[in-house]
Amino acid sequence: MTSPRYQLCSNDVAWSSLGDESVIVHVDRDEVHLANASAAFLVDALLEGASLEDLIAKLTSQFEVEASQARHDVEQFMRVLLEAHVIAPLGGDHGGALESTVSP
């Protein structure tokens, strides 16, 4: 079974890079989220859609971080984004490993 893929909620979310950081704005909820360099890197990957495993691989290839730490950090980051309705599963697939691991 393949891991579900997630992407930014394009109709409700706007984002912009500011140097090494990003600002994510959830328009309908009037919420602003700031993302550091590694989180901004992950947000960029989520523009096209990415699975938990994709994000972990990207993080470990770009930053000096152990896979176990990357998994923990990505799961935590994804949990925050899911709870804030900033990301959603692609194609409405609400099942899979990530949601059961990090669902709100």
PDB file of N, CA and C in Angstrom:
ATOM      1  N   MET A   1       0.848  -1.197   0.000  1.00  0.00           N
ATOM      2  CA  MET A   1       0.000   0.000   0.000  1.00  0.00           C
ATOM      3  C   MET A   1       0.880   1.242   0.000  1.00  0.00           C
ATOM      4  N   THR A   2       0.568   2.188  -0.858  1.00  0.00           N
ATOM      5  CA  THR A   2       1.355   3.402  -0.919  1.00  0.00           C
ATOM      6  C   THR A   2       0.858   4.403   0.115  1.00  0.00           C
ATOM      7  N   SER A   3       1.770   5.240   0.556  1.00  0.00           N
ATOM      8  CA  SER A   3       1.424   6.275   1.528  1.00  0.00           C
ATOM      9  C   SER A   3       0.580   7.346   0.863  1.00  0.00           C
ATOM     10  N   PRO A   4      -0.394   7.886   1.572  1.00  0.00           N
ATOM     11  CA  PRO A   4      -1.195   8.963   0.998  1.00  0.00           C
ATOM     12  C   PRO A   4      -0.326  10.192   0.763  1.00  0.00           C
ATOM     13  N   ARG A   5      -0.707  10.956  -0.234  1.00  0.00           N
ATOM     14  CA  ARG A   5       0.008  12.187  -0.555  1.00  0.00           C
ATOM     15  C   ARG A   5      -0.842  13.372  -0.092  1.00  0.00           C
ATOM     16  N   TYR A   6      -0.166  14.417   0.335  1.00  0.00           N
ATOM     17  CA  TYR A   6      -0.818  15.610   0.849  1.00  0.00           C
ATOM     18  C   TYR A   6      -0.351  16.818   0.071  1.00  0.00           C
ATOM     19  N   GLN A   7      -1.184  17.853   0.052  1.00  0.00           N
ATOM     20  CA  GLN A   7      -0.781  19.101  -0.567  1.00  0.00           C
ATOM     21  C   GLN A   7      -1.463  20.268   0.127  1.00  0.00           C
ATOM     22  N   LEU A   8      -0.947  21.468  -0.136  1.00  0.00           N
ATOM     23  CA  LEU A   8      -1.559  22.660   0.432  1.00  0.00           C
ATOM     24  C   LEU A   8      -2.987  22.804  -0.063  1.00  0.00           C
ATOM     25  N   CYS A   9      -3.848  23.312   0.777  1.00  0.00           N
ATOM     26  CA  CYS A   9      -5.236  23.590   0.388  1.00  0.00           C
ATOM     27  C   CYS A   9      -5.224  24.876  -0.438  1.00  0.00           C
ATOM     28  N   SER A  10      -5.070  24.730  -1.731  1.00  0.00           N
ATOM     29  CA  SER A  10      -4.799  25.867  -2.617  1.00  0.00           C
ATOM     30  C   SER A  10      -5.888  26.934  -2.622  1.00  0.00           C
ATOM     31  N   ASN A  11      -7.128  26.563  -2.411  1.00  0.00           N
ATOM     32  CA  ASN A  11      -8.204  27.559  -2.435  1.00  0.00           C
ATOM     33  C   ASN A  11      -8.256  28.401  -1.163  1.00  0.00           C
ATOM     34  N   ASP A  12      -7.710  27.878  -0.074  1.00  0.00           N
ATOM     35  CA  ASP A  12      -7.835  28.545   1.217  1.00  0.00           C
ATOM     36  C   ASP A  12      -6.518  29.095   1.752  1.00  0.00           C
ATOM     37  N   VAL A  13      -5.400  28.707   1.132  1.00  0.00           N
ATOM     38  CA  VAL A  13      -4.088  29.005   1.695  1.00  0.00           C
ATOM     39  C   VAL A  13      -3.226  29.749   0.689  1.00  0.00           C
ATOM     40  N   ALA A  14      -2.564  30.787   1.170  1.00  0.00           N
ATOM     41  CA  ALA A  14      -1.571  31.506   0.375  1.00  0.00           C
ATOM     42  C   ALA A  14      -0.264  31.452   1.136  1.00  0.00           C
ATOM     43  N   TRP A  15       0.848  31.435   0.393  1.00  0.00           N
ATOM     44  CA  TRP A  15       2.127  31.430   1.088  1.00  0.00           C
ATOM     45  C   TRP A  15       3.150  32.205   0.294  1.00  0.00           C
ATOM     46  N   SER A  16       4.147  32.701   1.017  1.00  0.00           N
ATOM     47  CA  SER A  16       5.197  33.481   0.389  1.00  0.00           C
ATOM     48  C   SER A  16       6.502  33.237   1.125  1.00  0.00           C
ATOM     49  N   SER A  17       7.591  33.177   0.372  1.00  0.00           N
ATOM     50  CA  SER A  17       8.911  33.024   0.971  1.00  0.00           C
ATOM     51  C   SER A  17       9.467  34.387   1.344  1.00  0.00           C
ATOM     52  N   LEU A  18      10.091  34.420   2.493  1.00  0.00           N
ATOM     53  CA  LEU A  18      10.764  35.628   2.964  1.00  0.00           C
ATOM     54  C   LEU A  18      12.173  35.222   3.386  1.00  0.00           C
ATOM     55  N   GLY A  19      13.074  35.175   2.438  1.00  0.00           N
ATOM     56  CA  GLY A  19      14.430  34.707   2.737  1.00  0.00           C
ATOM     57  C   GLY A  19      14.400  33.216   3.003  1.00  0.00           C
ATOM     58  N   ASP A  20      14.896  32.807   4.161  1.00  0.00           N
ATOM     59  CA  ASP A  20      14.913  31.393   4.536  1.00  0.00           C
ATOM     60  C   ASP A  20      13.613  30.934   5.180  1.00  0.00           C
ATOM     61  N   GLU A  21      12.679  31.831   5.346  1.00  0.00           N
ATOM     62  CA  GLU A  21      11.427  31.493   6.009  1.00  0.00           C
ATOM     63  C   GLU A  21      10.258  31.681   5.053  1.00  0.00           C
ATOM     64  N   SER A  22       9.122  31.168   5.450  1.00  0.00           N
ATOM     65  CA  SER A  22       7.891  31.337   4.686  1.00  0.00           C
ATOM     66  C   SER A  22       6.770  31.774   5.609  1.00  0.00           C
ATOM     67  N   VAL A  23       5.824  32.460   5.036  1.00  0.00           N
ATOM     68  CA  VAL A  23       4.606  32.852   5.732  1.00  0.00           C
ATOM     69  C   VAL A  23       3.469  32.122   5.038  1.00  0.00           C
ATOM     70  N   ILE A  24       2.666  31.419   5.815  1.00  0.00           N
ATOM     71  CA  ILE A  24       1.509  30.698   5.293  1.00  0.00           C
ATOM     72  C   ILE A  24       0.266  31.371   5.874  1.00  0.00           C
ATOM     73  N   VAL A  25      -0.636  31.779   5.017  1.00  0.00           N
ATOM     74  CA  VAL A  25      -1.855  32.459   5.458  1.00  0.00           C
ATOM     75  C   VAL A  25      -3.051  31.609   5.075  1.00  0.00           C
ATOM     76  N   HIS A  26      -3.850  31.245   6.076  1.00  0.00           N
ATOM     77  CA  HIS A  26      -5.114  30.551   5.820  1.00  0.00           C
ATOM     78  C   HIS A  26      -6.172  31.640   5.746  1.00  0.00           C
ATOM     79  N   VAL A  27      -6.579  31.966   4.548  1.00  0.00           N
ATOM     80  CA  VAL A  27      -7.432  33.118   4.286  1.00  0.00           C
ATOM     81  C   VAL A  27      -8.774  33.012   5.003  1.00  0.00           C
ATOM     82  N   ASP A  28      -9.454  31.885   4.874  1.00  0.00           N
ATOM     83  CA  ASP A  28     -10.786  31.737   5.468  1.00  0.00           C
ATOM     84  C   ASP A  28     -10.765  31.769   6.994  1.00  0.00           C
ATOM     85  N   ARG A  29      -9.658  31.382   7.578  1.00  0.00           N
ATOM     86  CA  ARG A  29      -9.582  31.312   9.046  1.00  0.00           C
ATOM     87  C   ARG A  29      -8.835  32.489   9.655  1.00  0.00           C
ATOM     88  N   ASP A  30      -8.350  33.405   8.827  1.00  0.00           N
ATOM     89  CA  ASP A  30      -7.576  34.557   9.312  1.00  0.00           C
ATOM     90  C   ASP A  30      -6.423  34.129  10.216  1.00  0.00           C
ATOM     91  N   GLU A  31      -5.693  33.092   9.775  1.00  0.00           N
ATOM     92  CA  GLU A  31      -4.559  32.582  10.538  1.00  0.00           C
ATOM     93  C   GLU A  31      -3.278  32.753   9.732  1.00  0.00           C
ATOM     94  N   VAL A  32      -2.203  33.065  10.445  1.00  0.00           N
ATOM     95  CA  VAL A  32      -0.890  33.199   9.838  1.00  0.00           C
ATOM     96  C   VAL A  32       0.052  32.236  10.539  1.00  0.00           C
ATOM     97  N   HIS A  33       0.814  31.481   9.739  1.00  0.00           N
ATOM     98  CA  HIS A  33       1.779  30.525  10.271  1.00  0.00           C
ATOM     99  C   HIS A  33       3.148  30.878   9.690  1.00  0.00           C
ATOM    100  N   LEU A  34       4.163  30.899  10.538  1.00  0.00           N
ATOM    101  CA  LEU A  34       5.522  31.158  10.090  1.00  0.00           C
ATOM    102  C   LEU A  34       6.265  29.844  10.009  1.00  0.00           C
ATOM    103  N   ALA A  35       7.064  29.682   8.971  1.00  0.00           N
ATOM    104  CA  ALA A  35       7.811  28.440   8.765  1.00  0.00           C
ATOM    105  C   ALA A  35       9.300  28.761   8.657  1.00  0.00           C
ATOM    106  N   ASN A  36      10.122  28.062   9.454  1.00  0.00           N
ATOM    107  CA  ASN A  36      11.565  28.246   9.367  1.00  0.00           C
ATOM    108  C   ASN A  36      12.084  27.623   8.074  1.00  0.00           C
ATOM    109  N   ALA A  37      13.391  27.623   7.877  1.00  0.00           N
ATOM    110  CA  ALA A  37      13.973  27.171   6.611  1.00  0.00           C
ATOM    111  C   ALA A  37      13.601  25.730   6.280  1.00  0.00           C
ATOM    112  N   SER A  38      13.692  24.828   7.245  1.00  0.00           N
ATOM    113  CA  SER A  38      13.370  23.430   6.949  1.00  0.00           C
ATOM    114  C   SER A  38      11.877  23.245   6.711  1.00  0.00           C
ATOM    115  N   ALA A  39      11.049  23.935   7.475  1.00  0.00           N
ATOM    116  CA  ALA A  39       9.603  23.851   7.267  1.00  0.00           C
ATOM    117  C   ALA A  39       9.214  24.473   5.927  1.00  0.00           C
ATOM    118  N   ALA A  40       9.852  25.580   5.567  1.00  0.00           N
ATOM    119  CA  ALA A  40       9.582  26.210   4.271  1.00  0.00           C
ATOM    120  C   ALA A  40       9.960  25.269   3.129  1.00  0.00           C
ATOM    121  N   PHE A  41      11.042  24.531   3.299  1.00  0.00           N
ATOM    122  CA  PHE A  41      11.466  23.539   2.312  1.00  0.00           C
ATOM    123  C   PHE A  41      10.384  22.473   2.137  1.00  0.00           C
ATOM    124  N   LEU A  42       9.777  22.046   3.250  1.00  0.00           N
ATOM    125  CA  LEU A  42       8.712  21.047   3.188  1.00  0.00           C
ATOM    126  C   LEU A  42       7.443  21.615   2.560  1.00  0.00           C
ATOM    127  N   VAL A  43       7.119  22.853   2.886  1.00  0.00           N
ATOM    128  CA  VAL A  43       5.941  23.496   2.286  1.00  0.00           C
ATOM    129  C   VAL A  43       6.097  23.550   0.773  1.00  0.00           C
ATOM    130  N   ASP A  44       7.293  23.869   0.315  1.00  0.00           N
ATOM    131  CA  ASP A  44       7.549  23.905  -1.116  1.00  0.00           C
ATOM    132  C   ASP A  44       7.266  22.535  -1.747  1.00  0.00           C
ATOM    133  N   ALA A  45       7.666  21.459  -1.068  1.00  0.00           N
ATOM    134  CA  ALA A  45       7.414  20.103  -1.567  1.00  0.00           C
ATOM    135  C   ALA A  45       5.917  19.797  -1.589  1.00  0.00           C
ATOM    136  N   LEU A  46       5.170  20.382  -0.670  1.00  0.00           N
ATOM    137  CA  LEU A  46       3.731  20.127  -0.581  1.00  0.00           C
ATOM    138  C   LEU A  46       2.933  20.863  -1.657  1.00  0.00           C
ATOM    139  N   LEU A  47       3.553  21.779  -2.366  1.00  0.00           N
ATOM    140  CA  LEU A  47       2.853  22.468  -3.454  1.00  0.00           C
ATOM    141  C   LEU A  47       2.416  21.487  -4.531  1.00  0.00           C
ATOM    142  N   GLU A  48       3.279  20.534  -4.830  1.00  0.00           N
ATOM    143  CA  GLU A  48       2.988  19.526  -5.849  1.00  0.00           C
ATOM    144  C   GLU A  48       2.333  18.280  -5.265  1.00  0.00           C
ATOM    145  N   GLY A  49       2.412  18.138  -3.966  1.00  0.00           N
ATOM    146  CA  GLY A  49       1.911  16.950  -3.296  1.00  0.00           C
ATOM    147  C   GLY A  49       3.061  16.046  -2.903  1.00  0.00           C
ATOM    148  N   ALA A  50       3.010  15.545  -1.693  1.00  0.00           N
ATOM    149  CA  ALA A  50       4.078  14.683  -1.190  1.00  0.00           C
ATOM    150  C   ALA A  50       3.530  13.800  -0.082  1.00  0.00           C
ATOM    151  N   SER A  51       4.110  12.623   0.033  1.00  0.00           N
ATOM    152  CA  SER A  51       3.755  11.718   1.130  1.00  0.00           C
ATOM    153  C   SER A  51       4.685  11.978   2.313  1.00  0.00           C
ATOM    154  N   LEU A  52       4.365  11.383   3.433  1.00  0.00           N
ATOM    155  CA  LEU A  52       5.223  11.473   4.606  1.00  0.00           C
ATOM    156  C   LEU A  52       6.625  10.990   4.257  1.00  0.00           C
ATOM    157  N   GLU A  53       6.712   9.868   3.569  1.00  0.00           N
ATOM    158  CA  GLU A  53       8.016   9.305   3.201  1.00  0.00           C
ATOM    159  C   GLU A  53       8.770  10.233   2.255  1.00  0.00           C
ATOM    160  N   ASP A  54       8.066  10.863   1.311  1.00  0.00           N
ATOM    161  CA  ASP A  54       8.697  11.827   0.401  1.00  0.00           C
ATOM    162  C   ASP A  54       9.329  12.966   1.195  1.00  0.00           C
ATOM    163  N   LEU A  55       8.585  13.491   2.143  1.00  0.00           N
ATOM    164  CA  LEU A  55       9.061  14.637   2.923  1.00  0.00           C
ATOM    165  C   LEU A  55      10.260  14.267   3.790  1.00  0.00           C
ATOM    166  N   ILE A  56      10.218  13.085   4.381  1.00  0.00           N
ATOM    167  CA  ILE A  56      11.347  12.629   5.199  1.00  0.00           C
ATOM    168  C   ILE A  56      12.597  12.500   4.334  1.00  0.00           C
ATOM    169  N   ALA A  57      12.453  11.900   3.164  1.00  0.00           N
ATOM    170  CA  ALA A  57      13.590  11.736   2.246  1.00  0.00           C
ATOM    171  C   ALA A  57      14.145  13.092   1.811  1.00  0.00           C
ATOM    172  N   LYS A  58      13.268  14.025   1.494  1.00  0.00           N
ATOM    173  CA  LYS A  58      13.710  15.352   1.081  1.00  0.00           C
ATOM    174  C   LYS A  58      14.435  16.068   2.219  1.00  0.00           C
ATOM    175  N   LEU A  59      13.901  15.966   3.423  1.00  0.00           N
ATOM    176  CA  LEU A  59      14.504  16.633   4.572  1.00  0.00           C
ATOM    177  C   LEU A  59      15.892  16.080   4.878  1.00  0.00           C
ATOM    178  N   THR A  60      16.032  14.754   4.853  1.00  0.00           N
ATOM    179  CA  THR A  60      17.337  14.157   5.163  1.00  0.00           C
ATOM    180  C   THR A  60      18.353  14.410   4.065  1.00  0.00           C
ATOM    181  N   SER A  61      17.899  14.606   2.819  1.00  0.00           N
ATOM    182  CA  SER A  61      18.846  14.876   1.737  1.00  0.00           C
ATOM    183  C   SER A  61      19.298  16.336   1.736  1.00  0.00           C
ATOM    184  N   GLN A  62      18.470  17.237   2.242  1.00  0.00           N
ATOM    185  CA  GLN A  62      18.780  18.665   2.208  1.00  0.00           C
ATOM    186  C   GLN A  62      19.444  19.163   3.495  1.00  0.00           C
ATOM    187  N   PHE A  63      19.098  18.562   4.627  1.00  0.00           N
ATOM    188  CA  PHE A  63      19.596  19.024   5.921  1.00  0.00           C
ATOM    189  C   PHE A  63      20.307  17.873   6.627  1.00  0.00           C
ATOM    190  N   GLU A  64      21.223  18.202   7.484  1.00  0.00           N
ATOM    191  CA  GLU A  64      21.938  17.190   8.246  1.00  0.00           C
ATOM    192  C   GLU A  64      21.075  16.769   9.436  1.00  0.00           C
ATOM    193  N   VAL A  65      20.267  15.753   9.195  1.00  0.00           N
ATOM    194  CA  VAL A  65      19.361  15.252  10.229  1.00  0.00           C
ATOM    195  C   VAL A  65      19.218  13.745  10.045  1.00  0.00           C
ATOM    196  N   GLU A  66      19.194  13.032  11.147  1.00  0.00           N
ATOM    197  CA  GLU A  66      19.002  11.580  11.112  1.00  0.00           C
ATOM    198  C   GLU A  66      17.572  11.270  10.681  1.00  0.00           C
ATOM    199  N   ALA A  67      17.404  10.135  10.035  1.00  0.00           N
ATOM    200  CA  ALA A  67      16.077   9.745   9.533  1.00  0.00           C
ATOM    201  C   ALA A  67      15.043   9.668  10.651  1.00  0.00           C
ATOM    202  N   SER A  68      15.420   9.143  11.814  1.00  0.00           N
ATOM    203  CA  SER A  68      14.456   9.022  12.921  1.00  0.00           C
ATOM    204  C   SER A  68      14.023  10.395  13.424  1.00  0.00           C
ATOM    205  N   GLN A  69      14.961  11.340  13.492  1.00  0.00           N
ATOM    206  CA  GLN A  69      14.617  12.702  13.909  1.00  0.00           C
ATOM    207  C   GLN A  69      13.781  13.388  12.837  1.00  0.00           C
ATOM    208  N   ALA A  70      14.139  13.162  11.571  1.00  0.00           N
ATOM    209  CA  ALA A  70      13.371  13.743  10.470  1.00  0.00           C
ATOM    210  C   ALA A  70      11.934  13.239  10.504  1.00  0.00           C
ATOM    211  N   ARG A  71      11.750  11.940  10.728  1.00  0.00           N
ATOM    212  CA  ARG A  71      10.395  11.376  10.810  1.00  0.00           C
ATOM    213  C   ARG A  71       9.599  12.064  11.913  1.00  0.00           C
ATOM    214  N   HIS A  72      10.192  12.191  13.088  1.00  0.00           N
ATOM    215  CA  HIS A  72       9.515  12.836  14.215  1.00  0.00           C
ATOM    216  C   HIS A  72       9.138  14.275  13.864  1.00  0.00           C
ATOM    217  N   ASP A  73      10.095  15.014  13.300  1.00  0.00           N
ATOM    218  CA  ASP A  73       9.854  16.416  12.964  1.00  0.00           C
ATOM    219  C   ASP A  73       8.790  16.573  11.877  1.00  0.00           C
ATOM    220  N   VAL A  74       8.854  15.738  10.848  1.00  0.00           N
ATOM    221  CA  VAL A  74       7.884  15.828   9.756  1.00  0.00           C
ATOM    222  C   VAL A  74       6.490  15.445  10.252  1.00  0.00           C
ATOM    223  N   GLU A  75       6.388  14.400  11.067  1.00  0.00           N
ATOM    224  CA  GLU A  75       5.070  14.021  11.617  1.00  0.00           C
ATOM    225  C   GLU A  75       4.482  15.149  12.442  1.00  0.00           C
ATOM    226  N   GLN A  76       5.305  15.785  13.264  1.00  0.00           N
ATOM    227  CA  GLN A  76       4.835  16.898  14.087  1.00  0.00           C
ATOM    228  C   GLN A  76       4.401  18.075  13.212  1.00  0.00           C
ATOM    229  N   PHE A  77       5.206  18.395  12.214  1.00  0.00           N
ATOM    230  CA  PHE A  77       4.895  19.482  11.290  1.00  0.00           C
ATOM    231  C   PHE A  77       3.596  19.206  10.544  1.00  0.00           C
ATOM    232  N   MET A  78       3.447  17.976  10.048  1.00  0.00           N
ATOM    233  CA  MET A  78       2.236  17.604   9.324  1.00  0.00           C
ATOM    234  C   MET A  78       1.007  17.664  10.230  1.00  0.00           C
ATOM    235  N   ARG A  79       1.166  17.260  11.474  1.00  0.00           N
ATOM    236  CA  ARG A  79       0.056  17.315  12.429  1.00  0.00           C
ATOM    237  C   ARG A  79      -0.434  18.757  12.579  1.00  0.00           C
ATOM    238  N   VAL A  80       0.507  19.686  12.733  1.00  0.00           N
ATOM    239  CA  VAL A  80       0.148  21.102  12.873  1.00  0.00           C
ATOM    240  C   VAL A  80      -0.585  21.588  11.621  1.00  0.00           C
ATOM    241  N   LEU A  81      -0.064  21.242  10.454  1.00  0.00           N
ATOM    242  CA  LEU A  81      -0.691  21.687   9.203  1.00  0.00           C
ATOM    243  C   LEU A  81      -2.076  21.073   8.996  1.00  0.00           C
ATOM    244  N   LEU A  82      -2.232  19.800   9.361  1.00  0.00           N
ATOM    245  CA  LEU A  82      -3.550  19.158   9.252  1.00  0.00           C
ATOM    246  C   LEU A  82      -4.555  19.801  10.194  1.00  0.00           C
ATOM    247  N   GLU A  83      -4.139  20.035  11.436  1.00  0.00           N
ATOM    248  CA  GLU A  83      -5.036  20.651  12.421  1.00  0.00           C
ATOM    249  C   GLU A  83      -5.442  22.060  12.016  1.00  0.00           C
ATOM    250  N   ALA A  84      -4.535  22.768  11.339  1.00  0.00           N
ATOM    251  CA  ALA A  84      -4.808  24.139  10.905  1.00  0.00           C
ATOM    252  C   ALA A  84      -5.524  24.181   9.550  1.00  0.00           C
ATOM    253  N   HIS A  85      -5.800  23.007   8.970  1.00  0.00           N
ATOM    254  CA  HIS A  85      -6.453  22.917   7.657  1.00  0.00           C
ATOM    255  C   HIS A  85      -5.649  23.612   6.566  1.00  0.00           C
ATOM    256  N   VAL A  86      -4.332  23.544   6.691  1.00  0.00           N
ATOM    257  CA  VAL A  86      -3.436  24.112   5.695  1.00  0.00           C
ATOM    258  C   VAL A  86      -3.131  23.088   4.604  1.00  0.00           C
ATOM    259  N   ILE A  87      -3.104  21.808   4.977  1.00  0.00           N
ATOM    260  CA  ILE A  87      -2.897  20.726   4.006  1.00  0.00           C
ATOM    261  C   ILE A  87      -4.062  19.756   4.083  1.00  0.00           C
ATOM    262  N   ALA A  88      -4.194  18.978   3.021  1.00  0.00           N
ATOM    263  CA  ALA A  88      -5.239  17.951   2.956  1.00  0.00           C
ATOM    264  C   ALA A  88      -4.727  16.818   2.077  1.00  0.00           C
ATOM    265  N   PRO A  89      -5.301  15.620   2.261  1.00  0.00           N
ATOM    266  CA  PRO A  89      -4.910  14.510   1.385  1.00  0.00           C
ATOM    267  C   PRO A  89      -5.293  14.809  -0.058  1.00  0.00           C
ATOM    268  N   LEU A  90      -4.447  14.420  -0.981  1.00  0.00           N
ATOM    269  CA  LEU A  90      -4.751  14.542  -2.400  1.00  0.00           C
ATOM    270  C   LEU A  90      -5.902  13.613  -2.763  1.00  0.00           C
ATOM    271  N   GLY A  91      -6.790  14.042  -3.593  1.00  0.00           N
ATOM    272  CA  GLY A  91      -7.866  13.199  -4.081  1.00  0.00           C
ATOM    273  C   GLY A  91      -8.872  12.787  -3.029  1.00  0.00           C
ATOM    274  N   GLY A  92      -8.887  13.473  -1.905  1.00  0.00           N
ATOM    275  CA  GLY A  92      -9.852  13.159  -0.871  1.00  0.00           C
ATOM    276  C   GLY A  92      -9.602  11.851  -0.156  1.00  0.00           C
ATOM    277  N   ASP A  93      -8.408  11.251  -0.345  1.00  0.00           N
ATOM    278  CA  ASP A  93      -8.069   9.998   0.331  1.00  0.00           C
ATOM    279  C   ASP A  93      -7.801  10.299   1.798  1.00  0.00           C
ATOM    280  N   HIS A  94      -8.706   9.887   2.655  1.00  0.00           N
ATOM    281  CA  HIS A  94      -8.556  10.181   4.074  1.00  0.00           C
ATOM    282  C   HIS A  94      -8.017   9.011   4.869  1.00  0.00           C
ATOM    283  N   GLY A  95      -7.533   7.982   4.189  1.00  0.00           N
ATOM    284  CA  GLY A  95      -6.966   6.853   4.901  1.00  0.00           C
ATOM    285  C   GLY A  95      -5.473   6.825   4.738  1.00  0.00           C
ATOM    286  N   GLY A  96      -4.814   5.939   5.466  1.00  0.00           N
ATOM    287  CA  GLY A  96      -3.398   5.766   5.263  1.00  0.00           C
ATOM    288  C   GLY A  96      -2.570   6.035   6.488  1.00  0.00           C
ATOM    289  N   ALA A  97      -1.290   5.816   6.329  1.00  0.00           N
ATOM    290  CA  ALA A  97      -0.354   5.838   7.447  1.00  0.00           C
ATOM    291  C   ALA A  97      -0.222   7.197   8.086  1.00  0.00           C
ATOM    292  N   LEU A  98      -0.127   8.267   7.320  1.00  0.00           N
ATOM    293  CA  LEU A  98       0.111   9.570   7.903  1.00  0.00           C
ATOM    294  C   LEU A  98      -1.054  10.004   8.773  1.00  0.00           C
ATOM    295  N   GLU A  99      -2.255   9.905   8.270  1.00  0.00           N
ATOM    296  CA  GLU A  99      -3.392  10.354   9.062  1.00  0.00           C
ATOM    297  C   GLU A  99      -3.547   9.543  10.332  1.00  0.00           C
ATOM    298  N   SER A 100      -3.292   8.260  10.279  1.00  0.00           N
ATOM    299  CA  SER A 100      -3.428   7.475  11.501  1.00  0.00           C
ATOM    300  C   SER A 100      -2.315   7.807  12.480  1.00  0.00           C
ATOM    301  N   THR A 101      -1.196   8.332  11.970  1.00  0.00           N
ATOM    302  CA  THR A 101      -0.076   8.690  12.830  1.00  0.00           C
ATOM    303  C   THR A 101      -0.226  10.088  13.383  1.00  0.00           C
ATOM    304  N   VAL A 102      -0.687  11.033  12.561  1.00  0.00           N
ATOM    305  CA  VAL A 102      -0.647  12.425  12.969  1.00  0.00           C
ATOM    306  C   VAL A 102      -2.000  13.131  12.921  1.00  0.00           C
ATOM    307  N   SER A 103      -3.079  12.421  12.812  1.00  0.00           N
ATOM    308  CA  SER A 103      -4.366  13.098  12.698  1.00  0.00           C
ATOM    309  C   SER A 103      -4.661  13.887  13.965  1.00  0.00           C
ATOM    310  N   PRO A 104      -5.409  14.976  13.806  1.00  0.00           N
ATOM    311  CA  PRO A 104      -5.723  15.842  14.965  1.00  0.00           C
ATOM    312  C   PRO A 104      -6.536  15.127  16.014  1.00  0.00           C
TER     313      PRO A 104
END
